Amino acid sequence: MISTLLDGNRRFVTEIFDKERDYFAELAKHQRPTVLWIGCSDSRVPVNTITQTRPGEIFVHRNVGNIVATNDWNLSAVLEFSINHLQIPDIIVCGHYGCGGIAALDEDNDEDRYIPIWLNNAYKAKERVDDKLLELYFSISPEQRMNLIVEENVRLQLEHLQEYPFVRNAMNKGSLAVHGWVYDMTSGDIKVVQRNNVACRD
């Protein structure tokens, strides 16, 4: 696989890079992305492919379960750089149906040490969906339930996002909007789950 990656890079240079050398030369000088994408690390959700965007257009942060954890210094630095230095006007939190991280919320796995700790940041999404389902007078399939948890997790992470004071301030000034999306691997479509222009007040 490593050789395949290097072969792919050589094809990229000859088939794309060399033909768009001016574009990539400008990119080498600076970046001006207009979107910060917070998505899942899943290899089946390639950001530029599913949005048909070019290098330099999207600033990307990915992790298991597209989680916004307020104690994650990596994400905190990404957010700070995006808002304070790149002046990015839109943040997207994008989940996807069939997410293994979200499915793991139902699992008791004694072998993993770090995954369960990380997924604590998404557990409330599962609780919210299961509480709502208890109030229904009809049942849904396990797949439908999991899809609802995926969607609710996106909403939950948008709430976590607004716990950052500088994110709330930018939203309230009108310089930042946040969006919740879910990608469907079976159709290729993106579903808009939520859009917030103004932050929740303290």
Protein backbone atom coordinates (compact mmCIF):
# COMPACT_ATOMS: atom_id res chain seq x y z
CA MET A 1 0.00 0.00 0.00
CA ILE A 2 2.87 2.40 0.73
CA SER A 3 4.18 1.93 -2.81
CA THR A 4 0.68 2.55 -4.12
CA LEU A 5 0.53 5.86 -2.28
CA LEU A 6 3.87 6.99 -3.71
CA ASP A 7 2.80 5.91 -7.20
CA GLY A 8 -0.38 7.92 -6.72
CA ASN A 9 1.66 10.97 -5.77
CA ARG A 10 3.72 10.66 -8.94
CA ARG A 11 0.52 10.51 -11.01
CA PHE A 12 -0.80 13.55 -9.12
CA VAL A 13 2.33 15.52 -10.01
CA THR A 14 2.23 14.68 -13.70
CA GLU A 15 -1.55 14.64 -14.28
CA ILE A 16 -2.72 17.47 -12.00
CA PHE A 17 0.03 19.47 -10.29
CA ASP A 18 2.05 20.19 -13.43
CA LYS A 19 -1.07 21.28 -15.32
CA GLU A 20 -2.16 23.64 -12.53
CA ARG A 21 1.25 24.82 -11.38
CA ASP A 22 0.14 28.46 -11.05
CA TYR A 23 -2.76 27.50 -8.77
CA PHE A 24 -0.54 25.41 -6.49
CA ALA A 25 2.15 28.11 -6.51
CA GLU A 26 -0.40 30.57 -5.07
CA LEU A 27 -1.48 27.99 -2.49
CA ALA A 28 2.12 27.61 -1.38
CA LYS A 29 2.20 31.33 -0.49
CA HIS A 30 -0.96 31.43 1.66
CA GLN A 31 -4.24 29.72 2.41
CA ARG A 32 -7.68 31.30 2.43
CA PRO A 33 -10.18 28.54 3.25
CA THR A 34 -13.75 29.69 3.83
CA VAL A 35 -14.96 26.63 5.76
CA LEU A 36 -13.72 24.69 8.76
CA TRP A 37 -14.85 21.07 8.49
CA ILE A 38 -15.02 19.04 11.70
CA GLY A 39 -15.65 15.49 10.58
CA CYS A 40 -15.11 11.85 11.35
CA SER A 41 -11.79 10.12 10.67
CA ASP A 42 -13.62 7.38 8.74
CA SER A 43 -11.71 6.65 5.52
CA ARG A 44 -14.98 6.41 3.59
CA VAL A 45 -15.78 10.11 4.08
CA PRO A 46 -13.17 12.00 2.01
CA VAL A 47 -14.01 15.68 2.43
CA ASN A 48 -12.80 17.10 -0.88
CA THR A 49 -14.31 14.20 -2.83
CA ILE A 50 -17.83 14.35 -1.41
CA THR A 51 -17.96 18.17 -1.63
CA GLN A 52 -16.08 18.42 -4.94
CA THR A 53 -13.76 21.11 -3.59
CA ARG A 54 -10.17 21.94 -4.46
CA PRO A 55 -7.07 22.03 -2.23
CA GLY A 56 -7.07 25.20 -0.15
CA GLU A 57 -10.84 25.62 0.07
CA ILE A 58 -11.58 23.67 3.27
CA PHE A 59 -9.68 23.67 6.57
CA VAL A 60 -10.13 20.18 8.04
CA HIS A 61 -10.13 18.63 11.52
CA ARG A 62 -11.13 14.97 11.82
CA ASN A 63 -11.46 12.57 14.73
CA VAL A 64 -13.43 9.48 15.75
CA GLY A 65 -17.12 10.39 15.84
CA ASN A 66 -16.70 14.04 14.65
CA ILE A 67 -16.56 15.11 18.28
CA VAL A 68 -16.07 18.62 19.63
CA ALA A 69 -14.44 18.16 23.02
CA THR A 70 -13.77 21.33 24.99
CA ASN A 71 -10.74 19.67 26.65
CA ASP A 72 -9.15 18.76 23.31
CA TRP A 73 -6.22 21.17 22.86
CA ASN A 74 -5.73 20.05 19.28
CA LEU A 75 -9.26 21.08 18.28
CA SER A 76 -9.03 24.21 20.46
CA ALA A 77 -5.98 25.34 18.51
CA VAL A 78 -7.69 24.56 15.19
CA LEU A 79 -10.73 26.63 16.20
CA GLU A 80 -8.63 29.53 17.45
CA PHE A 81 -6.52 29.58 14.30
CA SER A 82 -9.60 29.29 12.07
CA ILE A 83 -11.48 32.16 13.69
CA ASN A 84 -8.74 34.52 14.88
CA HIS A 85 -6.27 34.17 12.01
CA LEU A 86 -8.02 32.72 8.95
CA GLN A 87 -11.31 34.54 9.68
CA ILE A 88 -13.27 31.52 8.47
CA PRO A 89 -16.99 32.43 8.29
CA ASP A 90 -18.51 28.92 8.39
CA ILE A 91 -17.91 25.84 10.53
CA ILE A 92 -19.45 22.50 9.57
CA VAL A 93 -19.75 19.56 11.94
CA CYS A 94 -20.36 16.58 9.67
CA GLY A 95 -21.26 13.10 10.87
CA HIS A 96 -22.11 10.11 8.73
CA TYR A 97 -24.53 7.20 8.85
CA GLY A 98 -22.83 3.90 9.59
CA CYS A 99 -20.32 5.55 11.94
CA GLY A 100 -18.34 2.96 13.88
CA GLY A 101 -17.61 5.43 16.65
CA ILE A 102 -21.28 6.09 17.28
CA ALA A 103 -22.07 2.35 17.05
CA ALA A 104 -19.47 1.79 19.79
CA LEU A 105 -21.68 3.74 22.21
CA ASP A 106 -23.72 0.53 22.50
CA GLU A 107 -20.71 -1.70 23.10
CA ASP A 108 -19.03 -2.84 26.31
CA ASN A 109 -15.42 -3.34 25.27
CA ASP A 110 -12.86 -4.04 27.95
CA GLU A 111 -10.01 -4.23 25.42
CA ASP A 112 -10.10 -0.56 24.43
CA ARG A 113 -8.81 2.02 26.85
CA TYR A 114 -9.00 5.34 25.04
CA ILE A 115 -12.00 4.98 22.72
CA PRO A 116 -14.61 4.77 25.53
CA ILE A 117 -13.12 7.84 27.24
CA TRP A 118 -13.26 9.79 23.98
CA LEU A 119 -16.82 8.67 23.25
CA ASN A 120 -18.03 10.03 26.59
CA ASN A 121 -18.28 13.29 24.65
CA ALA A 122 -21.02 11.73 22.48
CA TYR A 123 -22.87 9.63 25.05
CA LYS A 124 -25.53 12.27 25.71
CA ALA A 125 -26.69 11.94 22.09
CA LYS A 126 -27.49 8.28 22.67
CA GLU A 127 -29.33 9.12 25.91
CA ARG A 128 -31.42 11.80 24.23
CA VAL A 129 -32.52 9.51 21.40
CA ASP A 130 -33.28 6.58 23.67
CA ASP A 131 -35.32 8.83 26.00
CA LYS A 132 -37.38 10.06 23.05
CA LEU A 133 -37.91 6.53 21.75
CA LEU A 134 -39.31 5.46 25.13
CA GLU A 135 -42.09 8.00 24.62
CA LEU A 136 -43.10 6.59 21.23
CA TYR A 137 -45.90 4.09 20.72
CA PHE A 138 -44.15 2.32 17.85
CA SER A 139 -40.77 0.69 17.38
CA ILE A 140 -38.04 1.48 14.87
CA SER A 141 -35.26 -0.66 13.48
CA PRO A 142 -31.79 -0.70 15.06
CA GLU A 143 -30.44 1.02 11.93
CA GLN A 144 -33.01 3.83 12.18
CA ARG A 145 -32.17 4.29 15.85
CA MET A 146 -28.46 4.49 15.08
CA ASN A 147 -29.12 7.04 12.32
CA LEU A 148 -31.03 9.18 14.83
CA ILE A 149 -28.09 8.98 17.25
CA VAL A 150 -25.70 10.04 14.46
CA GLU A 151 -27.88 13.08 13.76
CA GLU A 152 -28.30 13.92 17.44
CA ASN A 153 -24.56 13.64 17.96
CA VAL A 154 -24.03 16.34 15.32
CA ARG A 155 -26.45 18.62 17.21
CA LEU A 156 -24.69 17.82 20.48
CA GLN A 157 -21.29 18.68 19.05
CA LEU A 158 -22.65 22.00 17.79
CA GLU A 159 -23.64 22.71 21.39
CA HIS A 160 -20.12 21.80 22.53
CA LEU A 161 -18.73 24.11 19.87
CA GLN A 162 -20.61 27.04 21.36
CA GLU A 163 -19.05 26.42 24.76
CA TYR A 164 -15.96 28.15 23.38
CA PRO A 165 -16.38 31.86 24.24
CA PHE A 166 -14.60 33.05 21.09
CA VAL A 167 -16.92 30.90 18.96
CA ARG A 168 -20.01 32.39 20.65
CA ASN A 169 -18.63 35.90 20.28
CA ALA A 170 -17.97 35.44 16.56
CA MET A 171 -21.46 34.01 16.04
CA ASN A 172 -23.13 36.82 17.94
CA LYS A 173 -21.18 39.40 15.93
CA GLY A 174 -22.45 37.76 12.75
CA SER A 175 -18.99 36.83 11.50
CA LEU A 176 -19.47 33.08 12.00
CA ALA A 177 -22.21 30.56 11.25
CA VAL A 178 -22.17 26.89 12.27
CA HIS A 179 -23.80 24.04 10.40
CA GLY A 180 -24.66 20.42 11.21
CA TRP A 181 -24.54 17.93 8.34
CA VAL A 182 -24.72 14.14 7.96
CA TYR A 183 -23.24 12.26 5.02
CA ASP A 184 -25.03 9.18 3.67
CA MET A 185 -22.51 6.68 2.33
CA THR A 186 -25.22 4.67 0.57
CA SER A 187 -26.44 7.56 -1.59
CA GLY A 188 -23.58 10.07 -1.53
CA ASP A 189 -25.97 12.77 -0.29
CA ILE A 190 -25.39 15.24 2.51
CA LYS A 191 -28.33 15.96 4.82
CA VAL A 192 -28.53 19.33 6.57
CA VAL A 193 -29.37 18.60 10.21
CA GLN A 194 -28.99 22.03 11.77
CA ARG A 195 -27.83 25.55 11.04
CA ASN A 196 -27.14 28.22 13.66
CA ASN A 197 -26.36 31.85 12.89
CA VAL A 198 -26.58 33.15 16.44
CA ALA A 199 -25.04 31.45 19.46
CA CYS A 200 -27.00 30.28 22.45
CA ARG A 201 -26.75 32.88 25.18
CA ASP A 202 -25.10 32.12 28.52
